[in-house]
C-alpha atoms as a PDB file:
ATOM      1  CA  MET A   1      94.255  82.308 146.114  1.00  0.00           C
ATOM      2  CA  SER A   2      91.892  80.089 144.151  1.00  0.00           C
ATOM      3  CA  MET A   3      92.880  77.156 141.993  1.00  0.00           C
ATOM      4  CA  ASP A   4      92.386  79.238 138.813  1.00  0.00           C
ATOM      5  CA  ALA A   5      94.600  82.007 140.146  1.00  0.00           C
ATOM      6  CA  GLU A   6      97.297  79.492 141.059  1.00  0.00           C
ATOM      7  CA  ALA A   7      97.209  78.093 137.519  1.00  0.00           C
ATOM      8  CA  VAL A   8      97.642  81.547 136.023  1.00  0.00           C
ATOM      9  CA  ALA A   9     100.452  82.385 138.447  1.00  0.00           C
ATOM     10  CA  GLU A  10     102.262  79.179 137.534  1.00  0.00           C
ATOM     11  CA  ALA A  11     101.871  79.938 133.818  1.00  0.00           C
ATOM     12  CA  ASP A  12     103.319  83.460 134.199  1.00  0.00           C
ATOM     13  CA  PRO A  13     104.820  84.516 137.558  1.00  0.00           C
ATOM     14  CA  ASP A  14     104.908  88.183 136.486  1.00  0.00           C
ATOM     15  CA  VAL A  15     101.116  88.369 136.200  1.00  0.00           C
ATOM     16  CA  LEU A  16      99.292  89.714 139.248  1.00  0.00           C
ATOM     17  CA  VAL A  17      95.978  87.957 139.796  1.00  0.00           C
ATOM     18  CA  ASP A  18      93.123  89.166 141.924  1.00  0.00           C
ATOM     19  CA  GLU A  19      90.950  86.417 143.380  1.00  0.00           C
ATOM     20  CA  THR A  20      87.777  88.402 142.739  1.00  0.00           C
ATOM     21  CA  THR A  21      88.534  88.580 139.017  1.00  0.00           C
ATOM     22  CA  ALA A  22      90.621  85.443 138.576  1.00  0.00           C
ATOM     23  CA  TRP A  23      87.792  83.753 136.715  1.00  0.00           C
ATOM     24  CA  ARG A  24      88.438  86.134 133.841  1.00  0.00           C
ATOM     25  CA  GLY A  25      91.747  84.441 133.143  1.00  0.00           C
ATOM     26  CA  LEU A  26      94.341  87.221 133.115  1.00  0.00           C
ATOM     27  CA  ALA A  27      92.965  89.864 135.426  1.00  0.00           C
ATOM     28  CA  LYS A  28      94.599  93.293 135.779  1.00  0.00           C
ATOM     29  CA  VAL A  29      96.760  92.612 132.733  1.00  0.00           C
ATOM     30  CA  ASP A  30      96.155  94.556 129.581  1.00  0.00           C
ATOM     31  CA  ALA A  31      95.387  92.262 126.658  1.00  0.00           C
ATOM     32  CA  ASP A  32      98.014  93.791 124.410  1.00  0.00           C
ATOM     33  CA  GLU A  33     100.673  93.614 127.120  1.00  0.00           C
ATOM     34  CA  ALA A  34      99.836  89.991 127.840  1.00  0.00           C
ATOM     35  CA  ALA A  35      99.949  89.079 124.166  1.00  0.00           C
ATOM     36  CA  GLU A  36     103.273  90.865 123.762  1.00  0.00           C
ATOM     37  CA  ARG A  37     104.722  88.977 126.721  1.00  0.00           C
ATOM     38  CA  MET A  38     103.438  85.669 125.397  1.00  0.00           C
ATOM     39  CA  THR A  39     104.906  86.187 121.935  1.00  0.00           C
ATOM     40  CA  ALA A  40     108.203  87.740 123.034  1.00  0.00           C
ATOM     41  CA  GLY A  41     111.222  85.695 122.095  1.00  0.00           C
ATOM     42  CA  LEU A  42     109.362  83.539 119.582  1.00  0.00           C
ATOM     43  CA  GLY A  43     111.177  84.883 116.504  1.00  0.00           C
ATOM     44  CA  GLY A  44     113.395  81.849 116.150  1.00  0.00           C
ATOM     45  CA  GLY A  45     110.497  79.483 116.777  1.00  0.00           C
ATOM     46  CA  SER A  46     108.337  81.276 114.201  1.00  0.00           C
ATOM     47  CA  LYS A  47     111.061  81.027 111.579  1.00  0.00           C
ATOM     48  CA  ARG A  48     111.538  77.356 112.348  1.00  0.00           C
ATOM     49  CA  LEU A  49     107.792  76.738 112.139  1.00  0.00           C
ATOM     50  CA  LEU A  50     107.556  78.612 108.834  1.00  0.00           C
ATOM     51  CA  ARG A  51     110.438  76.569 107.454  1.00  0.00           C
ATOM     52  CA  GLU A  52     108.740  73.338 108.545  1.00  0.00           C
ATOM     53  CA  LEU A  53     105.449  74.371 106.957  1.00  0.00           C
ATOM     54  CA  LEU A  54     106.989  75.400 103.631  1.00  0.00           C
ATOM     55  CA  THR A  55     109.544  72.584 103.270  1.00  0.00           C
ATOM     56  CA  PRO A  56     107.039  70.137 101.677  1.00  0.00           C
ATOM     57  CA  PHE A  57     106.285  72.784  99.026  1.00  0.00           C
ATOM     58  CA  LYS A  58     109.878  73.662  98.152  1.00  0.00           C
ATOM     59  CA  ARG A  59     109.609  72.563  94.517  1.00  0.00           C
ATOM     60  CA  ALA A  60     106.223  74.237  94.092  1.00  0.00           C
ATOM     61  CA  ILE A  61     107.536  77.529  95.527  1.00  0.00           C
ATOM     62  CA  GLN A  62     110.530  77.454  93.203  1.00  0.00           C
ATOM     63  CA  PHE A  63     108.134  76.922  90.297  1.00  0.00           C
ATOM     64  CA  LEU A  64     106.021  79.870  91.479  1.00  0.00           C
ATOM     65  CA  VAL A  65     109.105  82.090  91.591  1.00  0.00           C
ATOM     66  CA  VAL A  66     109.762  81.289  87.924  1.00  0.00           C
ATOM     67  CA  VAL A  67     106.100  81.946  87.078  1.00  0.00           C
ATOM     68  CA  VAL A  68     106.162  85.329  88.829  1.00  0.00           C
ATOM     69  CA  LEU A  69     109.329  86.333  86.989  1.00  0.00           C
ATOM     70  CA  VAL A  70     107.812  85.353  83.643  1.00  0.00           C
ATOM     71  CA  GLU A  71     104.588  87.216  84.425  1.00  0.00           C
ATOM     72  CA  ASN A  72     106.361  90.432  85.390  1.00  0.00           C
ATOM     73  CA  ALA A  73     108.735  90.226  82.420  1.00  0.00           C
ATOM     74  CA  ALA A  74     105.774  89.855  80.045  1.00  0.00           C
ATOM     75  CA  ARG A  75     103.907  92.721  81.711  1.00  0.00           C
ATOM     76  CA  LEU A  76     106.879  95.083  81.637  1.00  0.00           C
ATOM     77  CA  ALA A  77     107.627  94.160  78.020  1.00  0.00           C
ATOM     78  CA  ILE A  78     104.344  95.651  76.788  1.00  0.00           C
ATOM     79  CA  PRO A  79     105.357  99.339  77.230  1.00  0.00           C
ATOM     80  CA  PHE A  80     108.682  98.571  75.573  1.00  0.00           C
ATOM     81  CA  LEU A  81     106.888  96.949  72.637  1.00  0.00           C
ATOM     82  CA  VAL A  82     104.656 100.013  72.314  1.00  0.00           C
ATOM     83  CA  LYS A  83     107.787 102.132  72.089  1.00  0.00           C
ATOM     84  CA  GLU A  84     109.218  99.788  69.440  1.00  0.00           C
ATOM     85  CA  GLY A  85     105.967  99.909  67.502  1.00  0.00           C
ATOM     86  CA  ILE A  86     106.083 103.692  67.371  1.00  0.00           C
ATOM     87  CA  ASP A  87     109.796 103.929  66.549  1.00  0.00           C
ATOM     88  CA  THR A  88     110.239 101.021  64.130  1.00  0.00           C
ATOM     89  CA  GLY A  89     106.728 100.057  63.060  1.00  0.00           C
ATOM     90  CA  ILE A  90     105.224 103.344  61.917  1.00  0.00           C
ATOM     91  CA  PRO A  91     108.112 104.764  59.792  1.00  0.00           C
ATOM     92  CA  PRO A  92     108.006 101.854  57.266  1.00  0.00           C
ATOM     93  CA  ILE A  93     104.292 102.500  56.798  1.00  0.00           C
ATOM     94  CA  GLN A  94     104.911 106.158  56.049  1.00  0.00           C
ATOM     95  CA  GLU A  95     107.875 105.525  53.763  1.00  0.00           C
ATOM     96  CA  HIS A  96     107.109 102.255  51.955  1.00  0.00           C
ATOM     97  CA  ASP A  97     103.548 101.426  52.991  1.00  0.00           C
ATOM     98  CA  ASP A  98     104.963  98.301  54.689  1.00  0.00           C
ATOM     99  CA  LEU A  99     102.858  96.904  57.526  1.00  0.00           C
ATOM    100  CA  ARG A 100     105.032  93.878  58.298  1.00  0.00           C
ATOM    101  CA  PRO A 101     107.245  95.442  61.030  1.00  0.00           C
ATOM    102  CA  LEU A 102     104.219  96.782  62.861  1.00  0.00           C
ATOM    103  CA  LEU A 103     102.314  93.507  62.513  1.00  0.00           C
ATOM    104  CA  VAL A 104     105.292  91.586  63.915  1.00  0.00           C
ATOM    105  CA  ILE A 105     105.433  93.883  66.940  1.00  0.00           C
ATOM    106  CA  VAL A 106     101.672  93.591  67.457  1.00  0.00           C
ATOM    107  CA  ALA A 107     101.952  89.786  67.308  1.00  0.00           C
ATOM    108  CA  ILE A 108     104.764  89.817  69.890  1.00  0.00           C
ATOM    109  CA  MET A 109     102.685  92.094  72.112  1.00  0.00           C
ATOM    110  CA  LEU A 110      99.751  89.690  71.831  1.00  0.00           C
ATOM    111  CA  VAL A 111     101.996  86.791  72.855  1.00  0.00           C
ATOM    112  CA  ALA A 112     103.297  88.819  75.816  1.00  0.00           C
ATOM    113  CA  THR A 113      99.741  89.631  76.919  1.00  0.00           C
ATOM    114  CA  LEU A 114      98.645  85.994  76.720  1.00  0.00           C
ATOM    115  CA  THR A 115     101.782  84.892  78.546  1.00  0.00           C
ATOM    116  CA  GLN A 116     101.079  87.368  81.333  1.00  0.00           C
ATOM    117  CA  ALA A 117      97.454  86.226  81.641  1.00  0.00           C
ATOM    118  CA  VAL A 118      98.340  82.518  81.730  1.00  0.00           C
ATOM    119  CA  ALA A 119     101.194  83.056  84.199  1.00  0.00           C
ATOM    120  CA  ARG A 120      98.973  85.185  86.439  1.00  0.00           C
ATOM    121  CA  GLN A 121      96.227  82.586  86.499  1.00  0.00           C
ATOM    122  CA  LEU A 122      98.716  79.809  87.164  1.00  0.00           C
ATOM    123  CA  PHE A 123     100.284  81.772  90.013  1.00  0.00           C
ATOM    124  CA  LEU A 124      96.928  82.490  91.667  1.00  0.00           C
ATOM    125  CA  VAL A 125      95.794  78.868  91.469  1.00  0.00           C
ATOM    126  CA  ARG A 126      99.031  77.285  92.659  1.00  0.00           C
ATOM    127  CA  SER A 127      99.752  79.847  95.391  1.00  0.00           C
ATOM    128  CA  GLY A 128      96.168  79.571  96.653  1.00  0.00           C
ATOM    129  CA  ARG A 129      96.484  75.801  96.849  1.00  0.00           C
ATOM    130  CA  ILE A 130      99.753  76.041  98.771  1.00  0.00           C
ATOM    131  CA  GLY A 131      98.254  78.655 101.092  1.00  0.00           C
ATOM    132  CA  GLN A 132      95.258  76.465 101.895  1.00  0.00           C
ATOM    133  CA  ASP A 133      97.486  73.482 102.627  1.00  0.00           C
ATOM    134  CA  VAL A 134      99.669  75.591 104.944  1.00  0.00           C
ATOM    135  CA  LEU A 135      96.614  76.967 106.741  1.00  0.00           C
ATOM    136  CA  PHE A 136      95.215  73.476 107.219  1.00  0.00           C
ATOM    137  CA  GLU A 137      98.487  72.367 108.809  1.00  0.00           C
ATOM    138  CA  VAL A 138      98.553  75.460 111.055  1.00  0.00           C
ATOM    139  CA  ARG A 139      94.973  74.837 112.209  1.00  0.00           C
ATOM    140  CA  ARG A 140      95.753  71.181 112.849  1.00  0.00           C
ATOM    141  CA  ARG A 141      98.804  72.026 114.951  1.00  0.00           C
ATOM    142  CA  VAL A 142      97.048  74.769 116.930  1.00  0.00           C
ATOM    143  CA  PHE A 143      94.077  72.525 117.701  1.00  0.00           C
ATOM    144  CA  GLY A 144      96.351  69.635 118.670  1.00  0.00           C
ATOM    145  CA  HIS A 145      98.407  71.913 120.915  1.00  0.00           C
ATOM    146  CA  PHE A 146      95.349  73.197 122.797  1.00  0.00           C
ATOM    147  CA  GLN A 147      94.031  69.659 123.146  1.00  0.00           C
ATOM    148  CA  ALA A 148      97.327  68.570 124.717  1.00  0.00           C
ATOM    149  CA  LEU A 149      97.356  71.361 127.347  1.00  0.00           C
ATOM    150  CA  SER A 150      96.444  70.554 130.924  1.00  0.00           C
ATOM    151  CA  PRO A 151      93.014  71.391 132.382  1.00  0.00           C
ATOM    152  CA  ALA A 152      94.737  73.838 134.757  1.00  0.00           C
ATOM    153  CA  PHE A 153      95.773  75.950 131.787  1.00  0.00           C
ATOM    154  CA  HIS A 154      92.225  76.113 130.446  1.00  0.00           C
ATOM    155  CA  ASP A 155      90.962  77.021 133.915  1.00  0.00           C
ATOM    156  CA  GLY A 156      93.301  79.986 134.074  1.00  0.00           C
ATOM    157  CA  TYR A 157      93.124  81.071 130.430  1.00  0.00           C
ATOM    158  CA  THR A 158      89.985  82.641 129.036  1.00  0.00           C
ATOM    159  CA  SER A 159      88.097  80.694 126.411  1.00  0.00           C
ATOM    160  CA  GLY A 160      87.790  83.834 124.301  1.00  0.00           C
ATOM    161  CA  ARG A 161      91.552  84.119 123.929  1.00  0.00           C
ATOM    162  CA  VAL A 162      91.761  80.428 123.034  1.00  0.00           C
ATOM    163  CA  ILE A 163      89.150  80.902 120.309  1.00  0.00           C
ATOM    164  CA  SER A 164      90.964  84.032 119.128  1.00  0.00           C
ATOM    165  CA  ARG A 165      94.147  82.030 118.667  1.00  0.00           C
ATOM    166  CA  GLN A 166      92.269  79.422 116.663  1.00  0.00           C
ATOM    167  CA  THR A 167      90.283  81.812 114.460  1.00  0.00           C
ATOM    168  CA  SER A 168      91.426  85.444 114.351  1.00  0.00           C
ATOM    169  CA  ASP A 169      95.171  84.769 114.253  1.00  0.00           C
ATOM    170  CA  VAL A 170      94.774  82.052 111.630  1.00  0.00           C
ATOM    171  CA  ASP A 171      92.543  84.357 109.569  1.00  0.00           C
ATOM    172  CA  ALA A 172      95.290  86.988 109.686  1.00  0.00           C
ATOM    173  CA  ILE A 173      97.722  84.426 108.281  1.00  0.00           C
ATOM    174  CA  TYR A 174      95.156  83.564 105.597  1.00  0.00           C
ATOM    175  CA  GLU A 175      94.850  87.210 104.524  1.00  0.00           C
ATOM    176  CA  MET A 176      98.625  87.519 104.384  1.00  0.00           C
ATOM    177  CA  LEU A 177      98.943  84.450 102.167  1.00  0.00           C
ATOM    178  CA  GLU A 178      96.036  85.423  99.917  1.00  0.00           C
ATOM    179  CA  THR A 179      96.702  89.129  99.332  1.00  0.00           C
ATOM    180  CA  GLY A 180      99.724  90.400 101.245  1.00  0.00           C
ATOM    181  CA  PHE A 181     102.316  88.046  99.781  1.00  0.00           C
ATOM    182  CA  ASP A 182     101.067  88.498  96.223  1.00  0.00           C
ATOM    183  CA  GLY A 183     100.981  92.288  96.527  1.00  0.00           C
ATOM    184  CA  LEU A 184     104.415  92.461  98.110  1.00  0.00           C
ATOM    185  CA  VAL A 185     106.097  90.287  95.479  1.00  0.00           C
ATOM    186  CA  THR A 186     104.351  92.055  92.586  1.00  0.00           C
ATOM    187  CA  ALA A 187     105.220  95.519  93.899  1.00  0.00           C
ATOM    188  CA  ALA A 188     108.872  94.599  94.495  1.00  0.00           C
ATOM    189  CA  LEU A 189     109.339  93.033  91.055  1.00  0.00           C
ATOM    190  CA  THR A 190     107.521  95.903  89.356  1.00  0.00           C
ATOM    191  CA  LEU A 191     109.790  98.424  91.068  1.00  0.00           C
ATOM    192  CA  VAL A 192     112.964  96.553  90.163  1.00  0.00           C
ATOM    193  CA  GLY A 193     111.808  95.801  86.604  1.00  0.00           C
ATOM    194  CA  THR A 194     110.685  99.364  85.921  1.00  0.00           C
ATOM    195  CA  ALA A 195     113.979 100.763  87.214  1.00  0.00           C
ATOM    196  CA  GLY A 196     115.931  98.311  85.069  1.00  0.00           C
ATOM    197  CA  LEU A 197     113.866  99.136  81.991  1.00  0.00           C
ATOM    198  CA  LEU A 198     114.385 102.868  82.496  1.00  0.00           C
ATOM    199  CA  LEU A 199     118.143 102.405  82.738  1.00  0.00           C
ATOM    200  CA  PHE A 200     118.136 100.098  79.706  1.00  0.00           C
ATOM    201  CA  LEU A 201     116.340 102.619  77.518  1.00  0.00           C
ATOM    202  CA  ASP A 202     118.361 105.656  78.622  1.00  0.00           C
ATOM    203  CA  VAL A 203     120.875 105.556  81.469  1.00  0.00           C
ATOM    204  CA  LYS A 204     121.037 109.317  82.083  1.00  0.00           C
ATOM    205  CA  LEU A 205     117.305 109.918  81.816  1.00  0.00           C
ATOM    206  CA  GLY A 206     116.624 106.815  83.921  1.00  0.00           C
ATOM    207  CA  LEU A 207     118.925 108.047  86.689  1.00  0.00           C
ATOM    208  CA  VAL A 208     117.205 111.433  86.626  1.00  0.00           C
ATOM    209  CA  ALA A 209     113.778 109.784  86.878  1.00  0.00           C
ATOM    210  CA  LEU A 210     114.854 107.537  89.757  1.00  0.00           C
ATOM    211  CA  CYS A 211     116.510 110.384  91.659  1.00  0.00           C
ATOM    212  CA  CYS A 212     113.473 112.633  91.196  1.00  0.00           C
ATOM    213  CA  GLY A 213     111.218 109.796  92.334  1.00  0.00           C
ATOM    214  CA  ARG A 214     113.159 109.421  95.584  1.00  0.00           C
ATOM    215  CA  SER A 215     113.121 113.156  96.327  1.00  0.00           C
ATOM    216  CA  TRP A 216     109.461 113.664  95.381  1.00  0.00           C
ATOM    217  CA  PRO A 217     107.449 114.787  98.456  1.00  0.00           C
ATOM    218  CA  GLY A 218     104.935 112.329  99.882  1.00  0.00           C
END
């Protein structure tokens, strides 16, 4: 067995290495199976790493939570204000030619719209800044870890997989921070807020709507 094969065998005794293909790094091992074996049992370590990365931004994350709540409250208030405008703003116009109730509701709706826009912009800017800082720290740690590994590891581990860890995996984290987290939080708060608003307006009709939504096919 060559020196490269010995290095791979020492790194993972369960991997069978053929000397004729040992230069490939992990011969005879499916890439997905090897990746699954390498990442198995890292749940606790991943949580610890995530906690370490986000600890410096604890105050900023708490501020973002408040901003997201304000944004969703302002967004969900607009349909309610439309309902109030129809129910309480139009009748005074028909009866007494009084525009004040409707103008007040329109002004409140304008404030809610501006609040939503400002909160949304603030959330995107601050969350993007935090995401970039976290990604920079992840890249720094990954690069430092690969630099600290022994030459035997790099002899037995393909350079393509090393580059994949430094680029593709980090890019996946970047996409999650940029779009996935925002979409998940917005969808969850919209669902909870809409359900609460339905029950606030009419408990019986809200329960019917929620039950029909759960049983709707697809």
